[in-house]
N, C-alpha and C. Protein backbone atom coordinates (compact mmCIF):
# COMPACT_ATOMS: atom_id res chain seq x y z
N UNK A 1 -12.99 12.13 1.95
CA UNK A 1 -12.49 10.96 1.26
C UNK A 1 -12.63 9.74 2.18
N UNK A 2 -13.15 8.66 1.64
CA UNK A 2 -13.38 7.44 2.42
C UNK A 2 -12.07 6.71 2.67
N UNK A 3 -12.00 6.05 3.79
CA UNK A 3 -10.84 5.23 4.12
C UNK A 3 -10.98 3.89 3.42
N UNK A 4 -9.90 3.47 2.81
CA UNK A 4 -9.83 2.14 2.20
C UNK A 4 -9.29 1.19 3.26
N UNK A 5 -10.13 0.29 3.73
CA UNK A 5 -9.75 -0.65 4.78
C UNK A 5 -9.20 -1.92 4.15
N UNK A 6 -7.92 -2.16 4.37
CA UNK A 6 -7.29 -3.38 3.87
C UNK A 6 -7.38 -4.46 4.94
N UNK A 7 -7.67 -5.68 4.52
CA UNK A 7 -7.91 -6.77 5.46
C UNK A 7 -6.81 -7.81 5.32
N UNK A 8 -6.14 -8.08 6.44
CA UNK A 8 -5.08 -9.07 6.50
C UNK A 8 -5.69 -10.48 6.50
N UNK A 9 -4.86 -11.45 6.19
CA UNK A 9 -5.29 -12.85 6.09
C UNK A 9 -6.02 -13.35 7.33
N UNK A 10 -5.35 -13.30 8.48
CA UNK A 10 -5.94 -13.84 9.70
C UNK A 10 -7.15 -13.03 10.15
N UNK A 11 -7.11 -11.74 9.94
CA UNK A 11 -8.26 -10.91 10.29
C UNK A 11 -9.49 -11.38 9.53
N UNK A 12 -9.33 -11.61 8.23
CA UNK A 12 -10.44 -12.06 7.40
C UNK A 12 -10.95 -13.42 7.86
N UNK A 13 -10.05 -14.35 8.12
CA UNK A 13 -10.47 -15.68 8.57
C UNK A 13 -11.14 -15.65 9.93
N UNK A 14 -10.59 -14.86 10.84
CA UNK A 14 -11.19 -14.76 12.18
C UNK A 14 -12.57 -14.14 12.10
N UNK A 15 -12.75 -13.19 11.21
CA UNK A 15 -14.07 -12.57 11.03
C UNK A 15 -15.06 -13.61 10.50
N UNK A 16 -14.67 -14.34 9.47
CA UNK A 16 -15.57 -15.34 8.89
C UNK A 16 -15.91 -16.44 9.89
N UNK A 17 -14.94 -16.81 10.72
CA UNK A 17 -15.14 -17.89 11.69
C UNK A 17 -15.79 -17.42 12.98
N UNK A 18 -15.98 -16.11 13.13
CA UNK A 18 -16.56 -15.57 14.36
C UNK A 18 -15.64 -15.74 15.55
N UNK A 19 -14.35 -15.64 15.33
CA UNK A 19 -13.36 -15.87 16.38
C UNK A 19 -13.28 -14.70 17.36
N UNK A 20 -13.07 -15.05 18.62
CA UNK A 20 -12.86 -14.05 19.67
C UNK A 20 -11.50 -13.38 19.53
N UNK A 21 -10.63 -13.90 18.68
CA UNK A 21 -9.30 -13.32 18.47
C UNK A 21 -9.36 -12.00 17.70
N UNK A 22 -10.49 -11.74 17.06
CA UNK A 22 -10.65 -10.53 16.25
C UNK A 22 -10.71 -9.31 17.15
N UNK A 23 -9.89 -8.31 16.84
CA UNK A 23 -9.86 -7.08 17.61
C UNK A 23 -11.18 -6.32 17.52
N UNK A 24 -11.52 -5.60 18.57
CA UNK A 24 -12.80 -4.89 18.65
C UNK A 24 -12.96 -3.85 17.54
N UNK A 25 -11.93 -3.05 17.31
CA UNK A 25 -12.01 -2.00 16.28
C UNK A 25 -12.08 -2.62 14.89
N UNK A 26 -11.30 -3.67 14.66
CA UNK A 26 -11.33 -4.35 13.36
C UNK A 26 -12.70 -4.97 13.11
N UNK A 27 -13.27 -5.57 14.14
CA UNK A 27 -14.59 -6.19 14.03
C UNK A 27 -15.64 -5.14 13.68
N UNK A 28 -15.54 -3.96 14.31
CA UNK A 28 -16.50 -2.88 14.03
C UNK A 28 -16.41 -2.45 12.57
N UNK A 29 -15.20 -2.33 12.04
CA UNK A 29 -15.04 -1.96 10.63
C UNK A 29 -15.64 -3.04 9.73
N UNK A 30 -15.34 -4.30 10.04
CA UNK A 30 -15.83 -5.40 9.21
C UNK A 30 -17.35 -5.54 9.25
N UNK A 31 -17.97 -5.16 10.36
CA UNK A 31 -19.42 -5.26 10.48
C UNK A 31 -20.16 -4.04 9.95
N UNK A 32 -19.45 -2.94 9.72
CA UNK A 32 -20.07 -1.71 9.25
C UNK A 32 -20.47 -1.84 7.79
N UNK A 33 -21.76 -1.74 7.48
CA UNK A 33 -22.20 -1.90 6.09
C UNK A 33 -21.67 -0.81 5.15
N UNK A 34 -21.14 0.26 5.70
CA UNK A 34 -20.60 1.34 4.87
C UNK A 34 -19.10 1.20 4.61
N UNK A 35 -18.45 0.23 5.23
CA UNK A 35 -17.01 0.07 5.06
C UNK A 35 -16.65 -0.39 3.66
N UNK A 36 -15.58 0.21 3.11
CA UNK A 36 -14.99 -0.27 1.86
C UNK A 36 -13.84 -1.19 2.24
N UNK A 37 -13.93 -2.45 1.86
CA UNK A 37 -12.96 -3.45 2.27
C UNK A 37 -12.15 -3.92 1.06
N UNK A 38 -10.84 -3.98 1.25
CA UNK A 38 -9.94 -4.41 0.19
C UNK A 38 -9.11 -5.56 0.69
N UNK A 39 -9.11 -6.64 -0.08
CA UNK A 39 -8.33 -7.81 0.28
C UNK A 39 -7.28 -8.02 -0.82
N UNK A 40 -6.00 -7.91 -0.45
CA UNK A 40 -4.96 -8.19 -1.42
C UNK A 40 -5.05 -9.65 -1.87
N UNK A 41 -4.80 -9.91 -3.14
CA UNK A 41 -4.86 -11.28 -3.67
C UNK A 41 -3.98 -12.22 -2.85
N UNK A 42 -2.85 -11.73 -2.39
CA UNK A 42 -1.96 -12.54 -1.55
C UNK A 42 -2.68 -13.00 -0.28
N UNK A 43 -3.43 -12.11 0.35
CA UNK A 43 -4.15 -12.46 1.58
C UNK A 43 -5.25 -13.48 1.28
N UNK A 44 -5.93 -13.33 0.15
CA UNK A 44 -6.97 -14.29 -0.21
C UNK A 44 -6.37 -15.66 -0.47
N UNK A 45 -5.27 -15.70 -1.21
CA UNK A 45 -4.62 -16.99 -1.49
C UNK A 45 -4.12 -17.64 -0.21
N UNK A 46 -3.54 -16.84 0.68
CA UNK A 46 -3.05 -17.37 1.94
C UNK A 46 -4.21 -17.87 2.80
N UNK A 47 -5.33 -17.16 2.80
CA UNK A 47 -6.51 -17.60 3.56
C UNK A 47 -7.00 -18.96 3.06
N UNK A 48 -7.07 -19.11 1.75
CA UNK A 48 -7.52 -20.40 1.19
C UNK A 48 -6.54 -21.51 1.55
N UNK A 49 -5.26 -21.22 1.54
CA UNK A 49 -4.23 -22.20 1.88
C UNK A 49 -4.37 -22.63 3.34
N UNK A 50 -4.59 -21.68 4.24
CA UNK A 50 -4.76 -21.98 5.66
C UNK A 50 -6.01 -22.85 5.88
N UNK A 51 -7.09 -22.50 5.21
CA UNK A 51 -8.34 -23.26 5.34
C UNK A 51 -8.17 -24.67 4.79
N UNK A 52 -7.52 -24.77 3.64
CA UNK A 52 -7.29 -26.07 3.01
C UNK A 52 -6.53 -27.02 3.92
N UNK A 53 -5.67 -26.50 4.75
CA UNK A 53 -4.88 -27.31 5.66
C UNK A 53 -5.59 -27.58 6.99
N UNK A 54 -6.85 -27.13 7.10
CA UNK A 54 -7.65 -27.45 8.27
C UNK A 54 -7.32 -26.63 9.51
N UNK A 55 -6.66 -25.50 9.33
CA UNK A 55 -6.27 -24.68 10.48
C UNK A 55 -7.39 -23.78 10.97
N UNK A 56 -8.47 -23.69 10.19
CA UNK A 56 -9.65 -22.91 10.55
C UNK A 56 -10.86 -23.75 10.17
N UNK A 57 -11.91 -23.69 10.98
CA UNK A 57 -13.11 -24.50 10.74
C UNK A 57 -13.98 -23.87 9.66
N UNK A 58 -13.42 -23.72 8.48
CA UNK A 58 -14.13 -23.21 7.32
C UNK A 58 -13.75 -24.08 6.12
N UNK A 59 -14.47 -23.89 5.05
CA UNK A 59 -14.10 -24.52 3.78
C UNK A 59 -13.68 -23.42 2.82
N UNK A 60 -12.86 -23.77 1.85
CA UNK A 60 -12.42 -22.78 0.86
C UNK A 60 -13.63 -22.15 0.18
N UNK A 61 -14.66 -22.94 -0.06
CA UNK A 61 -15.87 -22.41 -0.69
C UNK A 61 -16.52 -21.33 0.18
N UNK A 62 -16.40 -21.45 1.51
CA UNK A 62 -16.93 -20.42 2.42
C UNK A 62 -16.18 -19.11 2.23
N UNK A 63 -14.86 -19.21 2.12
CA UNK A 63 -14.02 -18.02 1.94
C UNK A 63 -14.38 -17.33 0.63
N UNK A 64 -14.44 -18.10 -0.43
CA UNK A 64 -14.73 -17.52 -1.75
C UNK A 64 -16.16 -16.98 -1.83
N UNK A 65 -17.10 -17.66 -1.21
CA UNK A 65 -18.48 -17.18 -1.19
C UNK A 65 -18.59 -15.86 -0.42
N UNK A 66 -17.82 -15.73 0.66
CA UNK A 66 -17.83 -14.48 1.43
C UNK A 66 -17.37 -13.32 0.55
N UNK A 67 -16.37 -13.56 -0.27
CA UNK A 67 -15.88 -12.54 -1.21
C UNK A 67 -16.96 -12.22 -2.25
N UNK A 68 -17.52 -13.26 -2.82
CA UNK A 68 -18.51 -13.09 -3.89
C UNK A 68 -19.80 -12.42 -3.41
N UNK A 69 -20.18 -12.67 -2.17
CA UNK A 69 -21.48 -12.22 -1.67
C UNK A 69 -21.45 -10.90 -0.92
N UNK A 70 -20.28 -10.30 -0.79
CA UNK A 70 -20.18 -9.04 -0.06
C UNK A 70 -19.74 -7.93 -1.01
N UNK A 71 -20.67 -7.08 -1.43
CA UNK A 71 -20.32 -6.04 -2.40
C UNK A 71 -19.35 -4.99 -1.87
N UNK A 72 -19.09 -5.01 -0.57
CA UNK A 72 -18.12 -4.06 0.01
C UNK A 72 -16.68 -4.47 -0.25
N UNK A 73 -16.48 -5.74 -0.65
CA UNK A 73 -15.14 -6.29 -0.78
C UNK A 73 -14.64 -6.21 -2.22
N UNK A 74 -13.42 -5.71 -2.35
CA UNK A 74 -12.71 -5.72 -3.62
C UNK A 74 -11.40 -6.47 -3.41
N UNK A 75 -11.12 -7.43 -4.28
CA UNK A 75 -9.84 -8.13 -4.24
C UNK A 75 -8.89 -7.38 -5.16
N UNK A 76 -7.73 -7.01 -4.63
CA UNK A 76 -6.75 -6.27 -5.41
C UNK A 76 -5.64 -7.22 -5.86
N UNK A 77 -5.16 -7.04 -7.09
CA UNK A 77 -4.20 -8.00 -7.66
C UNK A 77 -2.80 -7.90 -7.08
N UNK A 78 -2.10 -9.00 -7.22
CA UNK A 78 -0.67 -9.03 -6.96
C UNK A 78 -0.03 -8.80 -8.32
N UNK A 79 0.33 -7.56 -8.58
CA UNK A 79 0.87 -7.20 -9.89
C UNK A 79 2.26 -6.60 -9.74
N UNK A 80 2.80 -6.15 -10.85
CA UNK A 80 4.16 -5.62 -10.85
C UNK A 80 4.33 -4.44 -9.89
N UNK A 81 3.34 -3.57 -9.82
CA UNK A 81 3.47 -2.41 -8.94
C UNK A 81 3.56 -2.84 -7.48
N UNK A 82 2.85 -3.88 -7.11
CA UNK A 82 2.91 -4.39 -5.73
C UNK A 82 4.26 -5.06 -5.48
N UNK A 83 4.73 -5.84 -6.44
CA UNK A 83 6.03 -6.50 -6.29
C UNK A 83 7.13 -5.44 -6.14
N UNK A 84 7.09 -4.43 -6.99
CA UNK A 84 8.10 -3.37 -6.91
C UNK A 84 8.03 -2.65 -5.57
N UNK A 85 6.82 -2.35 -5.12
CA UNK A 85 6.65 -1.63 -3.84
C UNK A 85 7.09 -2.49 -2.66
N UNK A 86 6.92 -3.82 -2.78
CA UNK A 86 7.30 -4.71 -1.67
C UNK A 86 8.81 -4.82 -1.52
N UNK A 87 9.54 -4.64 -2.60
CA UNK A 87 11.00 -4.67 -2.50
C UNK A 87 11.45 -3.52 -1.61
N UNK A 88 12.29 -3.83 -0.70
CA UNK A 88 12.80 -2.80 0.19
C UNK A 88 12.00 -2.61 1.46
N UNK A 89 10.88 -3.30 1.61
CA UNK A 89 10.11 -3.20 2.87
C UNK A 89 10.76 -4.14 3.89
N UNK A 90 12.02 -3.89 4.17
CA UNK A 90 12.81 -4.79 5.01
C UNK A 90 12.37 -4.82 6.47
N UNK A 91 11.56 -3.86 6.87
CA UNK A 91 11.04 -3.88 8.24
C UNK A 91 10.05 -5.03 8.44
N UNK A 92 9.61 -5.62 7.33
CA UNK A 92 8.68 -6.76 7.38
C UNK A 92 9.41 -7.97 6.79
N UNK A 93 9.62 -8.97 7.61
CA UNK A 93 10.44 -10.10 7.20
C UNK A 93 9.74 -11.15 6.36
N UNK A 94 8.43 -11.26 6.46
CA UNK A 94 7.70 -12.33 5.78
C UNK A 94 7.16 -11.83 4.43
N UNK A 95 7.38 -12.62 3.38
CA UNK A 95 7.03 -12.23 2.02
C UNK A 95 5.55 -11.87 1.86
N UNK A 96 4.66 -12.70 2.37
CA UNK A 96 3.22 -12.44 2.19
C UNK A 96 2.81 -11.15 2.90
N UNK A 97 3.35 -10.94 4.08
CA UNK A 97 3.04 -9.71 4.81
C UNK A 97 3.55 -8.49 4.05
N UNK A 98 4.74 -8.60 3.46
CA UNK A 98 5.26 -7.50 2.64
C UNK A 98 4.31 -7.19 1.49
N UNK A 99 3.81 -8.22 0.84
CA UNK A 99 2.93 -8.02 -0.31
C UNK A 99 1.60 -7.41 0.11
N UNK A 100 1.09 -7.79 1.26
CA UNK A 100 -0.16 -7.23 1.77
C UNK A 100 0.03 -5.74 2.05
N UNK A 101 1.10 -5.41 2.76
CA UNK A 101 1.39 -4.01 3.06
C UNK A 101 1.68 -3.24 1.78
N UNK A 102 2.44 -3.82 0.87
CA UNK A 102 2.76 -3.15 -0.39
C UNK A 102 1.49 -2.84 -1.18
N UNK A 103 0.51 -3.73 -1.16
CA UNK A 103 -0.75 -3.47 -1.87
C UNK A 103 -1.43 -2.24 -1.29
N UNK A 104 -1.46 -2.15 0.03
CA UNK A 104 -2.05 -0.96 0.67
C UNK A 104 -1.25 0.29 0.33
N UNK A 105 0.06 0.18 0.32
CA UNK A 105 0.89 1.35 0.03
C UNK A 105 0.76 1.82 -1.42
N UNK A 106 0.58 0.89 -2.34
CA UNK A 106 0.36 1.27 -3.75
C UNK A 106 -0.90 2.13 -3.85
N UNK A 107 -1.95 1.73 -3.17
CA UNK A 107 -3.20 2.51 -3.17
C UNK A 107 -2.99 3.84 -2.46
N UNK A 108 -2.27 3.81 -1.34
CA UNK A 108 -1.98 5.05 -0.62
C UNK A 108 -1.15 6.00 -1.50
N UNK A 109 -0.21 5.47 -2.25
CA UNK A 109 0.61 6.28 -3.15
C UNK A 109 -0.22 6.97 -4.23
N UNK A 110 -1.42 6.44 -4.48
CA UNK A 110 -2.33 7.03 -5.46
C UNK A 110 -3.19 8.12 -4.84
N UNK A 111 -2.91 8.48 -3.58
CA UNK A 111 -3.61 9.56 -2.92
C UNK A 111 -4.78 9.14 -2.06
N UNK A 112 -4.98 7.84 -1.87
CA UNK A 112 -6.08 7.35 -1.05
C UNK A 112 -5.66 7.26 0.41
N UNK A 113 -6.62 7.30 1.30
CA UNK A 113 -6.38 7.09 2.73
C UNK A 113 -6.62 5.61 3.00
N UNK A 114 -5.62 4.95 3.58
CA UNK A 114 -5.73 3.51 3.82
C UNK A 114 -5.40 3.18 5.26
N UNK A 115 -5.94 2.05 5.71
CA UNK A 115 -5.49 1.44 6.95
C UNK A 115 -5.52 -0.07 6.74
N UNK A 116 -4.91 -0.78 7.65
CA UNK A 116 -4.83 -2.23 7.55
C UNK A 116 -5.36 -2.84 8.83
N UNK A 117 -6.33 -3.72 8.69
CA UNK A 117 -6.90 -4.43 9.82
C UNK A 117 -6.02 -5.65 10.08
N UNK A 118 -5.18 -5.56 11.10
CA UNK A 118 -4.26 -6.66 11.39
C UNK A 118 -3.81 -6.64 12.83
N UNK A 119 -3.50 -7.83 13.32
CA UNK A 119 -2.90 -8.01 14.65
C UNK A 119 -1.42 -8.33 14.51
N UNK A 120 -0.98 -8.58 13.30
CA UNK A 120 0.39 -9.02 13.04
C UNK A 120 1.40 -8.05 13.64
N UNK A 121 2.17 -8.52 14.59
CA UNK A 121 3.11 -7.64 15.30
C UNK A 121 4.24 -7.15 14.40
N UNK A 122 4.65 -7.95 13.44
CA UNK A 122 5.70 -7.56 12.51
C UNK A 122 5.23 -6.40 11.63
N UNK A 123 4.01 -6.48 11.15
CA UNK A 123 3.45 -5.40 10.32
C UNK A 123 3.24 -4.16 11.18
N UNK A 124 2.65 -4.35 12.34
CA UNK A 124 2.37 -3.22 13.23
C UNK A 124 3.66 -2.50 13.62
N UNK A 125 4.69 -3.26 13.97
CA UNK A 125 5.95 -2.66 14.38
C UNK A 125 6.66 -1.92 13.25
N UNK A 126 6.36 -2.28 12.01
CA UNK A 126 7.03 -1.63 10.88
C UNK A 126 6.68 -0.15 10.76
N UNK A 127 5.45 0.21 11.20
CA UNK A 127 5.02 1.60 11.12
C UNK A 127 4.78 2.09 9.70
N UNK A 128 4.66 1.17 8.75
CA UNK A 128 4.53 1.54 7.34
C UNK A 128 3.13 1.94 6.92
N UNK A 129 2.14 1.47 7.67
CA UNK A 129 0.75 1.74 7.32
C UNK A 129 -0.06 1.87 8.61
N UNK A 130 -1.11 2.67 8.56
CA UNK A 130 -1.98 2.84 9.73
C UNK A 130 -2.66 1.49 10.04
N UNK A 131 -2.72 1.16 11.32
CA UNK A 131 -3.27 -0.13 11.76
C UNK A 131 -4.55 0.10 12.53
N UNK A 132 -5.53 -0.78 12.28
CA UNK A 132 -6.76 -0.84 13.07
C UNK A 132 -6.83 -2.24 13.65
N UNK A 133 -7.01 -2.29 14.96
CA UNK A 133 -7.19 -3.59 15.58
C UNK A 133 -8.20 -3.47 16.72
């Protein structure tokens, strides 16, 4: 069974921008043409918001084009199942991070093997999902 690699907001932006902040293992997954990549809608919206505010040297159109042009990427919705799963994830204090982790957990609850490409210390410390960095 293939691993479903979930991509956090900053991980995705750092990858697109070619940032040295990107972890070696995460970069290898993102560069592997065989990787299945999943971006929670929350992470995509947050990425566009960060770019719009000029915090990364990209344009929103670059972010959206990267999604559209990479057949390995699937954007997963922020739906009721994710909202329900995010409730109670008190080990993660930030709402967007909870929703990103909850999206991965919803897929994991369906019997899939998942990991999350993230450097976020709050998510990592929660121990709720396997981390690749």
